[in-house]
C-alpha atoms as a PDB file:
ATOM      1  CA  UNK A   1     -43.991  65.774 -17.768  1.00  0.00           C
ATOM      2  CA  UNK A   2     -42.024  66.374 -14.591  1.00  0.00           C
ATOM      3  CA  UNK A   3     -38.334  67.366 -14.448  1.00  0.00           C
ATOM      4  CA  UNK A   4     -37.490  64.071 -12.710  1.00  0.00           C
ATOM      5  CA  UNK A   5     -39.013  62.113 -15.625  1.00  0.00           C
ATOM      6  CA  UNK A   6     -36.949  64.070 -18.150  1.00  0.00           C
ATOM      7  CA  UNK A   7     -33.761  63.561 -16.121  1.00  0.00           C
ATOM      8  CA  UNK A   8     -34.453  59.815 -15.861  1.00  0.00           C
ATOM      9  CA  UNK A   9     -34.852  59.589 -19.646  1.00  0.00           C
ATOM     10  CA  UNK A  10     -31.789  61.724 -20.407  1.00  0.00           C
ATOM     11  CA  UNK A  11     -29.572  59.679 -18.056  1.00  0.00           C
ATOM     12  CA  UNK A  12     -30.085  56.677 -20.365  1.00  0.00           C
ATOM     13  CA  UNK A  13     -28.590  58.569 -23.334  1.00  0.00           C
ATOM     14  CA  UNK A  14     -25.055  59.378 -24.406  1.00  0.00           C
ATOM     15  CA  UNK A  15     -24.085  62.746 -22.853  1.00  0.00           C
ATOM     16  CA  UNK A  16     -22.314  64.015 -25.992  1.00  0.00           C
ATOM     17  CA  UNK A  17     -25.099  63.184 -28.460  1.00  0.00           C
ATOM     18  CA  UNK A  18     -26.860  66.091 -30.155  1.00  0.00           C
ATOM     19  CA  UNK A  19     -30.452  66.867 -29.233  1.00  0.00           C
ATOM     20  CA  UNK A  20     -32.810  67.531 -32.133  1.00  0.00           C
ATOM     21  CA  UNK A  21     -36.135  69.316 -31.701  1.00  0.00           C
ATOM     22  CA  UNK A  22     -39.230  68.989 -33.876  1.00  0.00           C
ATOM     23  CA  UNK A  23     -42.637  70.633 -33.654  1.00  0.00           C
ATOM     24  CA  UNK A  24     -45.546  68.373 -34.625  1.00  0.00           C
ATOM     25  CA  UNK A  25     -48.696  70.071 -35.906  1.00  0.00           C
ATOM     26  CA  UNK A  26     -51.398  68.472 -38.043  1.00  0.00           C
ATOM     27  CA  UNK A  27     -49.101  65.510 -38.827  1.00  0.00           C
ATOM     28  CA  UNK A  28     -46.361  67.866 -40.093  1.00  0.00           C
ATOM     29  CA  UNK A  29     -42.934  67.869 -38.449  1.00  0.00           C
ATOM     30  CA  UNK A  30     -40.954  71.110 -38.440  1.00  0.00           C
ATOM     31  CA  UNK A  31     -37.267  71.083 -37.509  1.00  0.00           C
ATOM     32  CA  UNK A  32     -36.516  73.544 -34.699  1.00  0.00           C
ATOM     33  CA  UNK A  33     -33.528  74.777 -32.729  1.00  0.00           C
ATOM     34  CA  UNK A  34     -33.107  75.310 -28.996  1.00  0.00           C
ATOM     35  CA  UNK A  35     -33.572  78.895 -27.871  1.00  0.00           C
ATOM     36  CA  UNK A  36     -33.960  78.961 -24.068  1.00  0.00           C
ATOM     37  CA  UNK A  37     -34.818  76.994 -20.960  1.00  0.00           C
ATOM     38  CA  UNK A  38     -36.381  79.069 -18.199  1.00  0.00           C
ATOM     39  CA  UNK A  39     -37.154  78.241 -14.566  1.00  0.00           C
ATOM     40  CA  UNK A  40     -40.474  80.043 -13.978  1.00  0.00           C
ATOM     41  CA  UNK A  41     -41.911  80.872 -10.541  1.00  0.00           C
ATOM     42  CA  UNK A  42     -45.317  82.532 -10.675  1.00  0.00           C
ATOM     43  CA  UNK A  43     -46.503  84.878  -7.885  1.00  0.00           C
ATOM     44  CA  UNK A  44     -49.429  82.503  -7.265  1.00  0.00           C
ATOM     45  CA  UNK A  45     -46.943  79.798  -6.231  1.00  0.00           C
ATOM     46  CA  UNK A  46     -46.948  77.811  -9.471  1.00  0.00           C
ATOM     47  CA  UNK A  47     -43.546  76.871 -10.846  1.00  0.00           C
ATOM     48  CA  UNK A  48     -42.521  75.152 -14.050  1.00  0.00           C
ATOM     49  CA  UNK A  49     -39.720  74.819 -16.586  1.00  0.00           C
ATOM     50  CA  UNK A  50     -40.287  76.406 -19.987  1.00  0.00           C
ATOM     51  CA  UNK A  51     -38.477  75.134 -23.096  1.00  0.00           C
ATOM     52  CA  UNK A  52     -38.501  77.530 -26.042  1.00  0.00           C
ATOM     53  CA  UNK A  53     -37.667  76.280 -29.516  1.00  0.00           C
ATOM     54  CA  UNK A  54     -37.552  78.230 -32.755  1.00  0.00           C
ATOM     55  CA  UNK A  55     -38.412  77.161 -36.288  1.00  0.00           C
ATOM     56  CA  UNK A  56     -35.105  76.476 -38.037  1.00  0.00           C
ATOM     57  CA  UNK A  57     -36.043  78.477 -41.135  1.00  0.00           C
ATOM     58  CA  UNK A  58     -36.811  81.517 -38.949  1.00  0.00           C
ATOM     59  CA  UNK A  59     -33.537  81.001 -37.095  1.00  0.00           C
ATOM     60  CA  UNK A  60     -31.552  80.902 -40.345  1.00  0.00           C
ATOM     61  CA  UNK A  61     -33.270  84.065 -41.605  1.00  0.00           C
ATOM     62  CA  UNK A  62     -32.609  85.956 -38.358  1.00  0.00           C
ATOM     63  CA  UNK A  63     -28.958  84.867 -38.262  1.00  0.00           C
ATOM     64  CA  UNK A  64     -28.132  85.445 -41.926  1.00  0.00           C
ATOM     65  CA  UNK A  65     -27.628  81.758 -42.691  1.00  0.00           C
ATOM     66  CA  UNK A  66     -28.683  80.097 -45.899  1.00  0.00           C
END
């Protein structure tokens, strides 16, 4: 996916709506939380945007939530 495709999709949505992340593996969905978005520029000239999400259960454990 390209940044312009993501922007086009997001422009169709309500700006104040929450964004929910899930990780799909072997037909199992795991609720996740946003951690970071990074703009990466590699020395070889490659550039990309990296989205990092964290498993919600891990997040709760790390932040003392129950």
